[in-house]
């Protein structure tokens, strides 16, 4: 199975369809009248669909076991067809579209099995996904228009030209993957004045995002939060909490991080840990959802 440990747990929904077509109107009438010899078709098929939704990971090799928290099976009977819709919800790291299609398929197969003694012309058609929400399917809405970003790396070692910057490059790769243009990257020493001067420069350039990595720990030289906080017009505590909570699910000592998030004018500022893993996890914790802040900010400005 593909790894999903980097993904965030969110509400995810899917609706799938299947159509059972019969060859004569009498078959539909028998379903309505509950006179099919094998039993009550709609309820038996509904139960089969509920079982199928919960057992999808046992049948489809690459599907992850996940908590199914809501399943609904709905029918619409026509003259010669039964339209089946299955809706599934979960709060997890991956979507439920395969679960919904699997359940719809089993509902349809159960109907086929129950109806074939009275109708030899039954067929199953159009098993497909109708709707999916949550995760990647919401990414385009979150991204919106093109954005620009700058990266500020805070490190005495790198400022002295010793070693290679990996955290800043991890951030760059993730930003590019999100479709965000990285306009500049700068490395400064762990000094309040140097950090503030670089941050002011990038804000003056009008970048949408300023990603800062390093200096968020507890050592005497870790001063990034102290440097950035006086510059912020507003902090965004929920973003900081999300980063720490996400990190602590992976490493207990992530609770010691002093990641910072806030707003300077129109620029969103995010201070992440200095390790490559910490920077990557901090990005995974809040992107692309963080980009929704721009639509809120721009909406507020347009309404003024």
C-alpha atoms as a PDB file:
ATOM      1  CA  UNK A   1       0.000   0.000   0.000  1.00  0.00           C
ATOM      2  CA  UNK A   2       1.163   3.539  -0.669  1.00  0.00           C
ATOM      3  CA  UNK A   3       2.234   5.539   2.413  1.00  0.00           C
ATOM      4  CA  UNK A   4      -0.333   7.896   3.911  1.00  0.00           C
ATOM      5  CA  UNK A   5       1.421   8.756   7.188  1.00  0.00           C
ATOM      6  CA  UNK A   6       2.223  12.254   5.874  1.00  0.00           C
ATOM      7  CA  UNK A   7      -1.442  13.053   5.236  1.00  0.00           C
ATOM      8  CA  UNK A   8      -3.686  14.945   7.620  1.00  0.00           C
ATOM      9  CA  UNK A   9      -6.889  13.478   9.032  1.00  0.00           C
ATOM     10  CA  UNK A  10      -9.868  15.309   7.531  1.00  0.00           C
ATOM     11  CA  UNK A  11     -13.536  14.723   6.794  1.00  0.00           C
ATOM     12  CA  UNK A  12     -13.842  12.814   3.528  1.00  0.00           C
ATOM     13  CA  UNK A  13     -17.007  11.900   1.645  1.00  0.00           C
ATOM     14  CA  UNK A  14     -17.862   9.967  -1.498  1.00  0.00           C
ATOM     15  CA  UNK A  15     -21.029   9.096  -3.405  1.00  0.00           C
ATOM     16  CA  UNK A  16     -21.030   6.240  -5.914  1.00  0.00           C
ATOM     17  CA  UNK A  17     -23.653   4.907  -8.295  1.00  0.00           C
ATOM     18  CA  UNK A  18     -24.676   1.608  -9.829  1.00  0.00           C
ATOM     19  CA  UNK A  19     -27.674   0.865 -12.033  1.00  0.00           C
ATOM     20  CA  UNK A  20     -29.497  -2.469 -12.163  1.00  0.00           C
ATOM     21  CA  UNK A  21     -31.505  -2.798 -15.380  1.00  0.00           C
ATOM     22  CA  UNK A  22     -34.284  -5.362 -15.737  1.00  0.00           C
ATOM     23  CA  UNK A  23     -36.012  -6.659 -18.882  1.00  0.00           C
ATOM     24  CA  UNK A  24     -39.668  -6.289 -17.900  1.00  0.00           C
ATOM     25  CA  UNK A  25     -41.801  -3.965 -15.753  1.00  0.00           C
ATOM     26  CA  UNK A  26     -43.125  -6.926 -13.782  1.00  0.00           C
ATOM     27  CA  UNK A  27     -39.721  -7.313 -12.128  1.00  0.00           C
ATOM     28  CA  UNK A  28     -39.852  -3.786 -10.727  1.00  0.00           C
ATOM     29  CA  UNK A  29     -43.415  -4.393  -9.558  1.00  0.00           C
ATOM     30  CA  UNK A  30     -42.339  -7.576  -7.770  1.00  0.00           C
ATOM     31  CA  UNK A  31     -39.668  -5.571  -5.944  1.00  0.00           C
ATOM     32  CA  UNK A  32     -42.264  -2.966  -4.927  1.00  0.00           C
ATOM     33  CA  UNK A  33     -44.748  -5.640  -3.831  1.00  0.00           C
ATOM     34  CA  UNK A  34     -42.048  -7.630  -1.985  1.00  0.00           C
ATOM     35  CA  UNK A  35     -42.998 -10.801  -3.823  1.00  0.00           C
ATOM     36  CA  UNK A  36     -39.543 -11.789  -5.113  1.00  0.00           C
ATOM     37  CA  UNK A  37     -39.039 -15.448  -4.045  1.00  0.00           C
ATOM     38  CA  UNK A  38     -35.577 -14.887  -2.552  1.00  0.00           C
ATOM     39  CA  UNK A  39     -36.819 -12.191  -0.196  1.00  0.00           C
ATOM     40  CA  UNK A  40     -37.124  -8.433   0.259  1.00  0.00           C
ATOM     41  CA  UNK A  41     -34.692  -7.182  -2.374  1.00  0.00           C
ATOM     42  CA  UNK A  42     -34.059  -3.599  -1.339  1.00  0.00           C
ATOM     43  CA  UNK A  43     -33.364  -4.316   2.332  1.00  0.00           C
ATOM     44  CA  UNK A  44     -31.246  -7.406   1.671  1.00  0.00           C
ATOM     45  CA  UNK A  45     -29.162  -5.465  -0.839  1.00  0.00           C
ATOM     46  CA  UNK A  46     -28.829  -2.550   1.586  1.00  0.00           C
ATOM     47  CA  UNK A  47     -27.417  -4.825   4.286  1.00  0.00           C
ATOM     48  CA  UNK A  48     -24.991  -6.354   1.777  1.00  0.00           C
ATOM     49  CA  UNK A  49     -23.828  -2.855   0.867  1.00  0.00           C
ATOM     50  CA  UNK A  50     -23.164  -1.986   4.502  1.00  0.00           C
ATOM     51  CA  UNK A  51     -21.047  -5.117   4.901  1.00  0.00           C
ATOM     52  CA  UNK A  52     -19.192  -4.381   1.663  1.00  0.00           C
ATOM     53  CA  UNK A  53     -18.323  -0.828   2.679  1.00  0.00           C
ATOM     54  CA  UNK A  54     -16.675  -2.069   5.870  1.00  0.00           C
ATOM     55  CA  UNK A  55     -14.823  -4.933   4.162  1.00  0.00           C
ATOM     56  CA  UNK A  56     -13.382  -3.039   1.176  1.00  0.00           C
ATOM     57  CA  UNK A  57      -9.783  -3.261   2.419  1.00  0.00           C
ATOM     58  CA  UNK A  58     -10.149  -7.058   2.599  1.00  0.00           C
ATOM     59  CA  UNK A  59     -11.066  -7.223  -1.086  1.00  0.00           C
ATOM     60  CA  UNK A  60      -9.037  -4.463  -2.796  1.00  0.00           C
ATOM     61  CA  UNK A  61      -5.300  -4.989  -2.113  1.00  0.00           C
ATOM     62  CA  UNK A  62      -4.171  -1.348  -2.134  1.00  0.00           C
ATOM     63  CA  UNK A  63      -7.043   0.016  -0.033  1.00  0.00           C
ATOM     64  CA  UNK A  64      -6.164   1.045   3.514  1.00  0.00           C
ATOM     65  CA  UNK A  65      -8.350  -0.147   6.393  1.00  0.00           C
ATOM     66  CA  UNK A  66     -10.184   2.918   7.646  1.00  0.00           C
ATOM     67  CA  UNK A  67     -13.050   3.819   9.965  1.00  0.00           C
ATOM     68  CA  UNK A  68     -16.361   3.971   8.125  1.00  0.00           C
ATOM     69  CA  UNK A  69     -18.376   6.490  10.115  1.00  0.00           C
ATOM     70  CA  UNK A  70     -21.476   6.846   7.929  1.00  0.00           C
ATOM     71  CA  UNK A  71     -22.992   4.786   5.130  1.00  0.00           C
ATOM     72  CA  UNK A  72     -26.272   5.436   3.330  1.00  0.00           C
ATOM     73  CA  UNK A  73     -27.769   3.300   0.553  1.00  0.00           C
ATOM     74  CA  UNK A  74     -30.450   5.031  -1.502  1.00  0.00           C
ATOM     75  CA  UNK A  75     -32.672   3.737  -4.326  1.00  0.00           C
ATOM     76  CA  UNK A  76     -34.707   5.218  -7.128  1.00  0.00           C
ATOM     77  CA  UNK A  77     -36.946   2.796  -8.972  1.00  0.00           C
ATOM     78  CA  UNK A  78     -37.823   3.475 -12.597  1.00  0.00           C
ATOM     79  CA  UNK A  79     -39.887   1.490 -15.079  1.00  0.00           C
ATOM     80  CA  UNK A  80     -37.009  -0.803 -16.044  1.00  0.00           C
ATOM     81  CA  UNK A  81     -34.154   0.142 -13.725  1.00  0.00           C
ATOM     82  CA  UNK A  82     -33.080   0.646 -10.131  1.00  0.00           C
ATOM     83  CA  UNK A  83     -30.639   3.474  -9.541  1.00  0.00           C
ATOM     84  CA  UNK A  84     -28.415   2.839  -6.533  1.00  0.00           C
ATOM     85  CA  UNK A  85     -26.468   5.498  -4.687  1.00  0.00           C
ATOM     86  CA  UNK A  86     -24.091   4.797  -1.818  1.00  0.00           C
ATOM     87  CA  UNK A  87     -22.738   7.643   0.298  1.00  0.00           C
ATOM     88  CA  UNK A  88     -19.857   7.090   2.734  1.00  0.00           C
ATOM     89  CA  UNK A  89     -18.145   9.425   5.214  1.00  0.00           C
ATOM     90  CA  UNK A  90     -14.975   9.047   7.251  1.00  0.00           C
ATOM     91  CA  UNK A  91     -12.594  11.244   9.195  1.00  0.00           C
ATOM     92  CA  UNK A  92      -9.252   9.837   8.139  1.00  0.00           C
ATOM     93  CA  UNK A  93      -6.134  10.341   6.028  1.00  0.00           C
ATOM     94  CA  UNK A  94      -7.439   8.863   2.791  1.00  0.00           C
ATOM     95  CA  UNK A  95     -10.671   8.986   0.836  1.00  0.00           C
ATOM     96  CA  UNK A  96     -13.590   6.571   0.620  1.00  0.00           C
ATOM     97  CA  UNK A  97     -14.399   6.597  -3.103  1.00  0.00           C
ATOM     98  CA  UNK A  98     -13.381   2.955  -3.582  1.00  0.00           C
ATOM     99  CA  UNK A  99     -15.417   1.977  -0.524  1.00  0.00           C
ATOM    100  CA  UNK A 100     -18.453   3.714  -2.006  1.00  0.00           C
ATOM    101  CA  UNK A 101     -18.018   2.057  -5.422  1.00  0.00           C
ATOM    102  CA  UNK A 102     -17.375  -1.335  -3.831  1.00  0.00           C
ATOM    103  CA  UNK A 103     -20.543  -1.035  -1.762  1.00  0.00           C
ATOM    104  CA  UNK A 104     -22.594   0.075  -4.774  1.00  0.00           C
ATOM    105  CA  UNK A 105     -21.254  -2.897  -6.753  1.00  0.00           C
ATOM    106  CA  UNK A 106     -22.201  -5.377  -4.042  1.00  0.00           C
ATOM    107  CA  UNK A 107     -25.668  -3.838  -3.684  1.00  0.00           C
ATOM    108  CA  UNK A 108     -26.132  -4.310  -7.436  1.00  0.00           C
ATOM    109  CA  UNK A 109     -24.773  -7.869  -7.393  1.00  0.00           C
ATOM    110  CA  UNK A 110     -27.081  -8.791  -4.531  1.00  0.00           C
ATOM    111  CA  UNK A 111     -30.033  -7.504  -6.519  1.00  0.00           C
ATOM    112  CA  UNK A 112     -28.873  -9.448  -9.569  1.00  0.00           C
ATOM    113  CA  UNK A 113     -28.661 -12.642  -7.537  1.00  0.00           C
ATOM    114  CA  UNK A 114     -32.109 -12.163  -6.033  1.00  0.00           C
ATOM    115  CA  UNK A 115     -33.798 -11.183  -9.297  1.00  0.00           C
ATOM    116  CA  UNK A 116     -32.327 -13.708 -11.741  1.00  0.00           C
ATOM    117  CA  UNK A 117     -34.868 -16.451 -10.880  1.00  0.00           C
ATOM    118  CA  UNK A 118     -37.684 -14.197 -12.149  1.00  0.00           C
ATOM    119  CA  UNK A 119     -35.847 -12.198 -14.841  1.00  0.00           C
ATOM    120  CA  UNK A 120     -33.087 -13.627 -17.028  1.00  0.00           C
ATOM    121  CA  UNK A 121     -32.364 -10.231 -18.579  1.00  0.00           C
ATOM    122  CA  UNK A 122     -31.009  -8.395 -15.531  1.00  0.00           C
ATOM    123  CA  UNK A 123     -27.799  -6.394 -16.087  1.00  0.00           C
ATOM    124  CA  UNK A 124     -25.564  -4.106 -14.033  1.00  0.00           C
ATOM    125  CA  UNK A 125     -24.456  -0.800 -15.527  1.00  0.00           C
ATOM    126  CA  UNK A 126     -22.642   2.470 -14.811  1.00  0.00           C
ATOM    127  CA  UNK A 127     -20.775   1.730 -11.614  1.00  0.00           C
ATOM    128  CA  UNK A 128     -19.020   5.047 -11.097  1.00  0.00           C
ATOM    129  CA  UNK A 129     -18.047   7.776  -8.653  1.00  0.00           C
ATOM    130  CA  UNK A 130     -20.478  10.686  -8.592  1.00  0.00           C
ATOM    131  CA  UNK A 131     -18.922  12.934  -5.986  1.00  0.00           C
ATOM    132  CA  UNK A 132     -15.850  13.105  -3.766  1.00  0.00           C
ATOM    133  CA  UNK A 133     -14.956  15.656  -1.097  1.00  0.00           C
ATOM    134  CA  UNK A 134     -11.956  16.056   1.171  1.00  0.00           C
ATOM    135  CA  UNK A 135      -8.207  15.651   0.648  1.00  0.00           C
ATOM    136  CA  UNK A 136      -6.769  16.220  -2.823  1.00  0.00           C
ATOM    137  CA  UNK A 137     -10.179  16.751  -4.370  1.00  0.00           C
ATOM    138  CA  UNK A 138     -10.397  20.046  -2.498  1.00  0.00           C
ATOM    139  CA  UNK A 139      -6.886  21.175  -3.404  1.00  0.00           C
ATOM    140  CA  UNK A 140      -7.761  23.261  -6.441  1.00  0.00           C
ATOM    141  CA  UNK A 141     -10.337  25.243  -4.486  1.00  0.00           C
ATOM    142  CA  UNK A 142      -7.793  25.885  -1.738  1.00  0.00           C
ATOM    143  CA  UNK A 143      -5.018  26.939  -4.097  1.00  0.00           C
ATOM    144  CA  UNK A 144      -6.963  29.550  -5.994  1.00  0.00           C
ATOM    145  CA  UNK A 145      -4.801  31.993  -7.935  1.00  0.00           C
ATOM    146  CA  UNK A 146      -1.028  31.831  -8.316  1.00  0.00           C
ATOM    147  CA  UNK A 147       0.945  32.716  -5.183  1.00  0.00           C
ATOM    148  CA  UNK A 148       4.521  33.797  -4.498  1.00  0.00           C
ATOM    149  CA  UNK A 149       6.748  32.810  -1.605  1.00  0.00           C
ATOM    150  CA  UNK A 150      10.152  33.519  -0.113  1.00  0.00           C
ATOM    151  CA  UNK A 151      12.202  31.188   2.083  1.00  0.00           C
ATOM    152  CA  UNK A 152      14.307  32.380   5.018  1.00  0.00           C
ATOM    153  CA  UNK A 153      16.752  29.883   6.532  1.00  0.00           C
ATOM    154  CA  UNK A 154      17.992  30.742  10.041  1.00  0.00           C
ATOM    155  CA  UNK A 155      21.231  28.915  10.853  1.00  0.00           C
ATOM    156  CA  UNK A 156      24.607  29.987  12.248  1.00  0.00           C
ATOM    157  CA  UNK A 157      26.240  27.012  10.538  1.00  0.00           C
ATOM    158  CA  UNK A 158      24.818  27.674   7.095  1.00  0.00           C
ATOM    159  CA  UNK A 159      25.392  31.420   7.370  1.00  0.00           C
ATOM    160  CA  UNK A 160      29.073  30.635   7.954  1.00  0.00           C
ATOM    161  CA  UNK A 161      28.991  28.607   4.698  1.00  0.00           C
ATOM    162  CA  UNK A 162      29.419  25.322   6.523  1.00  0.00           C
ATOM    163  CA  UNK A 163      27.154  22.484   5.437  1.00  0.00           C
ATOM    164  CA  UNK A 164      24.342  22.336   2.926  1.00  0.00           C
ATOM    165  CA  UNK A 165      20.849  23.735   3.271  1.00  0.00           C
ATOM    166  CA  UNK A 166      18.375  20.855   3.150  1.00  0.00           C
ATOM    167  CA  UNK A 167      15.386  22.253   5.038  1.00  0.00           C
ATOM    168  CA  UNK A 168      15.011  25.261   2.774  1.00  0.00           C
ATOM    169  CA  UNK A 169      15.150  23.023  -0.281  1.00  0.00           C
ATOM    170  CA  UNK A 170      12.531  20.683   1.183  1.00  0.00           C
ATOM    171  CA  UNK A 171      10.259  23.698   1.631  1.00  0.00           C
ATOM    172  CA  UNK A 172      10.990  24.866  -1.909  1.00  0.00           C
ATOM    173  CA  UNK A 173      10.061  21.457  -3.367  1.00  0.00           C
ATOM    174  CA  UNK A 174       6.778  21.370  -1.500  1.00  0.00           C
ATOM    175  CA  UNK A 175       5.883  24.911  -2.526  1.00  0.00           C
ATOM    176  CA  UNK A 176       6.617  24.167  -6.170  1.00  0.00           C
ATOM    177  CA  UNK A 177       4.477  21.036  -5.935  1.00  0.00           C
ATOM    178  CA  UNK A 178       1.630  23.256  -4.721  1.00  0.00           C
ATOM    179  CA  UNK A 179       2.083  25.540  -7.705  1.00  0.00           C
ATOM    180  CA  UNK A 180       3.580  28.384  -5.659  1.00  0.00           C
ATOM    181  CA  UNK A 181       6.432  30.402  -7.163  1.00  0.00           C
ATOM    182  CA  UNK A 182       9.497  30.747  -4.924  1.00  0.00           C
ATOM    183  CA  UNK A 183      10.882  34.198  -5.678  1.00  0.00           C
ATOM    184  CA  UNK A 184      13.908  34.150  -3.355  1.00  0.00           C
ATOM    185  CA  UNK A 185      15.722  32.288  -0.611  1.00  0.00           C
ATOM    186  CA  UNK A 186      18.095  33.793   1.964  1.00  0.00           C
ATOM    187  CA  UNK A 187      20.241  32.293   4.701  1.00  0.00           C
ATOM    188  CA  UNK A 188      20.931  34.351   7.839  1.00  0.00           C
ATOM    189  CA  UNK A 189      22.573  33.686  11.188  1.00  0.00           C
ATOM    190  CA  UNK A 190      20.525  33.090  14.327  1.00  0.00           C
ATOM    191  CA  UNK A 191      20.448  36.780  15.167  1.00  0.00           C
ATOM    192  CA  UNK A 192      17.291  38.775  15.900  1.00  0.00           C
ATOM    193  CA  UNK A 193      18.405  41.758  13.814  1.00  0.00           C
ATOM    194  CA  UNK A 194      19.370  39.662  10.785  1.00  0.00           C
ATOM    195  CA  UNK A 195      16.117  37.709  10.856  1.00  0.00           C
ATOM    196  CA  UNK A 196      14.014  40.855  11.182  1.00  0.00           C
ATOM    197  CA  UNK A 197      15.855  42.658   8.379  1.00  0.00           C
ATOM    198  CA  UNK A 198      15.352  39.735   5.989  1.00  0.00           C
ATOM    199  CA  UNK A 199      11.676  39.368   6.946  1.00  0.00           C
ATOM    200  CA  UNK A 200      11.021  43.085   6.395  1.00  0.00           C
ATOM    201  CA  UNK A 201      12.715  42.884   3.000  1.00  0.00           C
ATOM    202  CA  UNK A 202      10.553  40.028   1.804  1.00  0.00           C
ATOM    203  CA  UNK A 203       7.357  41.626   3.102  1.00  0.00           C
ATOM    204  CA  UNK A 204       8.290  44.857   1.286  1.00  0.00           C
ATOM    205  CA  UNK A 205       8.661  42.814  -1.906  1.00  0.00           C
ATOM    206  CA  UNK A 206       5.031  41.800  -1.549  1.00  0.00           C
ATOM    207  CA  UNK A 207       5.399  38.025  -1.337  1.00  0.00           C
ATOM    208  CA  UNK A 208       2.253  36.179  -0.332  1.00  0.00           C
ATOM    209  CA  UNK A 209       4.086  33.704   1.889  1.00  0.00           C
ATOM    210  CA  UNK A 210       7.238  33.900   3.961  1.00  0.00           C
ATOM    211  CA  UNK A 211       8.435  30.473   5.057  1.00  0.00           C
ATOM    212  CA  UNK A 212      11.086  30.572   7.788  1.00  0.00           C
ATOM    213  CA  UNK A 213      12.972  27.465   8.882  1.00  0.00           C
ATOM    214  CA  UNK A 214      15.245  27.062  11.883  1.00  0.00           C
ATOM    215  CA  UNK A 215      15.623  28.661  15.284  1.00  0.00           C
ATOM    216  CA  UNK A 216      12.298  27.445  16.719  1.00  0.00           C
ATOM    217  CA  UNK A 217      13.750  25.166  19.389  1.00  0.00           C
ATOM    218  CA  UNK A 218      14.887  25.797  22.964  1.00  0.00           C
ATOM    219  CA  UNK A 219      18.639  26.307  22.602  1.00  0.00           C
ATOM    220  CA  UNK A 220      20.059  29.728  23.557  1.00  0.00           C
ATOM    221  CA  UNK A 221      20.631  30.561  19.884  1.00  0.00           C
ATOM    222  CA  UNK A 222      17.041  29.714  18.841  1.00  0.00           C
ATOM    223  CA  UNK A 223      15.557  33.197  18.527  1.00  0.00           C
ATOM    224  CA  UNK A 224      13.340  33.018  15.443  1.00  0.00           C
ATOM    225  CA  UNK A 225      10.018  33.402  17.328  1.00  0.00           C
ATOM    226  CA  UNK A 226      11.431  36.318  19.340  1.00  0.00           C
ATOM    227  CA  UNK A 227      12.570  37.979  16.117  1.00  0.00           C
ATOM    228  CA  UNK A 228       9.339  37.507  14.181  1.00  0.00           C
ATOM    229  CA  UNK A 229       6.669  38.056  16.817  1.00  0.00           C
ATOM    230  CA  UNK A 230       7.192  41.846  17.181  1.00  0.00           C
ATOM    231  CA  UNK A 231       6.746  42.181  13.409  1.00  0.00           C
ATOM    232  CA  UNK A 232       3.415  40.365  13.258  1.00  0.00           C
ATOM    233  CA  UNK A 233       0.165  42.265  12.962  1.00  0.00           C
ATOM    234  CA  UNK A 234      -1.676  39.154  14.122  1.00  0.00           C
ATOM    235  CA  UNK A 235      -0.741  35.643  15.162  1.00  0.00           C
ATOM    236  CA  UNK A 236      -2.661  32.623  13.892  1.00  0.00           C
ATOM    237  CA  UNK A 237      -2.595  30.211  16.870  1.00  0.00           C
ATOM    238  CA  UNK A 238      -4.588  27.475  15.149  1.00  0.00           C
ATOM    239  CA  UNK A 239      -1.866  27.002  12.540  1.00  0.00           C
ATOM    240  CA  UNK A 240       0.793  26.730  15.237  1.00  0.00           C
ATOM    241  CA  UNK A 241      -1.302  24.180  17.132  1.00  0.00           C
ATOM    242  CA  UNK A 242      -1.869  22.129  13.984  1.00  0.00           C
ATOM    243  CA  UNK A 243       1.863  21.930  13.287  1.00  0.00           C
ATOM    244  CA  UNK A 244       2.706  20.788  16.807  1.00  0.00           C
ATOM    245  CA  UNK A 245      -0.162  18.293  16.980  1.00  0.00           C
ATOM    246  CA  UNK A 246       0.791  16.789  13.621  1.00  0.00           C
ATOM    247  CA  UNK A 247       4.443  16.567  14.641  1.00  0.00           C
ATOM    248  CA  UNK A 248       3.747  15.006  18.013  1.00  0.00           C
ATOM    249  CA  UNK A 249       1.850  12.169  16.363  1.00  0.00           C
ATOM    250  CA  UNK A 250       5.202  11.277  14.785  1.00  0.00           C
ATOM    251  CA  UNK A 251       7.752  12.339  17.400  1.00  0.00           C
ATOM    252  CA  UNK A 252       7.011  13.020  21.078  1.00  0.00           C
ATOM    253  CA  UNK A 253       9.570  15.826  21.324  1.00  0.00           C
ATOM    254  CA  UNK A 254       7.701  17.844  18.668  1.00  0.00           C
ATOM    255  CA  UNK A 255       5.836  19.418  21.592  1.00  0.00           C
ATOM    256  CA  UNK A 256       9.012  21.417  22.270  1.00  0.00           C
ATOM    257  CA  UNK A 257       8.824  23.180  18.917  1.00  0.00           C
ATOM    258  CA  UNK A 258       7.998  26.891  18.958  1.00  0.00           C
ATOM    259  CA  UNK A 259       6.653  27.109  15.440  1.00  0.00           C
ATOM    260  CA  UNK A 260       5.043  30.458  14.747  1.00  0.00           C
ATOM    261  CA  UNK A 261       2.358  31.632  12.328  1.00  0.00           C
ATOM    262  CA  UNK A 262       0.998  35.077  11.677  1.00  0.00           C
ATOM    263  CA  UNK A 263       0.294  37.917   9.313  1.00  0.00           C
ATOM    264  CA  UNK A 264       2.375  40.960   8.384  1.00  0.00           C
ATOM    265  CA  UNK A 265       0.213  43.111   6.169  1.00  0.00           C
ATOM    266  CA  UNK A 266      -0.814  40.897   3.239  1.00  0.00           C
ATOM    267  CA  UNK A 267       1.984  38.379   3.855  1.00  0.00           C
ATOM    268  CA  UNK A 268       1.432  35.120   5.735  1.00  0.00           C
ATOM    269  CA  UNK A 269       4.472  34.195   7.832  1.00  0.00           C
ATOM    270  CA  UNK A 270       5.170  30.636   8.913  1.00  0.00           C
ATOM    271  CA  UNK A 271       8.172  29.659  11.052  1.00  0.00           C
ATOM    272  CA  UNK A 272       8.985  25.947  10.888  1.00  0.00           C
ATOM    273  CA  UNK A 273      11.539  23.689  12.598  1.00  0.00           C
ATOM    274  CA  UNK A 274      15.047  23.636  11.195  1.00  0.00           C
ATOM    275  CA  UNK A 275      15.396  19.917  10.534  1.00  0.00           C
ATOM    276  CA  UNK A 276      14.388  18.666   7.071  1.00  0.00           C
ATOM    277  CA  UNK A 277      11.873  16.253   8.588  1.00  0.00           C
ATOM    278  CA  UNK A 278      10.437  18.920  10.880  1.00  0.00           C
ATOM    279  CA  UNK A 279      10.113  21.406   8.032  1.00  0.00           C
ATOM    280  CA  UNK A 280       8.468  18.810   5.776  1.00  0.00           C
ATOM    281  CA  UNK A 281       6.022  17.718   8.464  1.00  0.00           C
ATOM    282  CA  UNK A 282       5.162  21.313   9.277  1.00  0.00           C
ATOM    283  CA  UNK A 283       4.307  21.903   5.626  1.00  0.00           C
ATOM    284  CA  UNK A 284       2.278  18.696   5.390  1.00  0.00           C
ATOM    285  CA  UNK A 285       0.345  19.665   8.526  1.00  0.00           C
ATOM    286  CA  UNK A 286      -1.098  22.903   7.164  1.00  0.00           C
ATOM    287  CA  UNK A 287      -0.892  22.935   3.350  1.00  0.00           C
ATOM    288  CA  UNK A 288      -2.854  23.333   1.162  1.00  0.00           C
ATOM    289  CA  UNK A 289      -5.534  24.277   3.715  1.00  0.00           C
ATOM    290  CA  UNK A 290      -3.497  27.282   4.874  1.00  0.00           C
ATOM    291  CA  UNK A 291      -3.926  28.868   1.442  1.00  0.00           C
ATOM    292  CA  UNK A 292      -7.615  29.332   2.201  1.00  0.00           C
ATOM    293  CA  UNK A 293      -6.488  32.257   4.372  1.00  0.00           C
ATOM    294  CA  UNK A 294      -5.878  34.303   1.232  1.00  0.00           C
ATOM    295  CA  UNK A 295      -9.456  33.987   0.019  1.00  0.00           C
ATOM    296  CA  UNK A 296     -10.630  35.076   3.469  1.00  0.00           C
ATOM    297  CA  UNK A 297      -8.253  38.030   3.569  1.00  0.00           C
ATOM    298  CA  UNK A 298      -9.040  39.100   0.025  1.00  0.00           C
ATOM    299  CA  UNK A 299     -12.754  38.691   0.612  1.00  0.00           C
ATOM    300  CA  UNK A 300     -12.494  40.930   3.658  1.00  0.00           C
ATOM    301  CA  UNK A 301     -10.614  43.565   1.655  1.00  0.00           C
ATOM    302  CA  UNK A 302     -13.134  43.432  -1.196  1.00  0.00           C
ATOM    303  CA  UNK A 303     -16.016  43.974   1.227  1.00  0.00           C
ATOM    304  CA  UNK A 304     -14.480  47.102   2.715  1.00  0.00           C
END
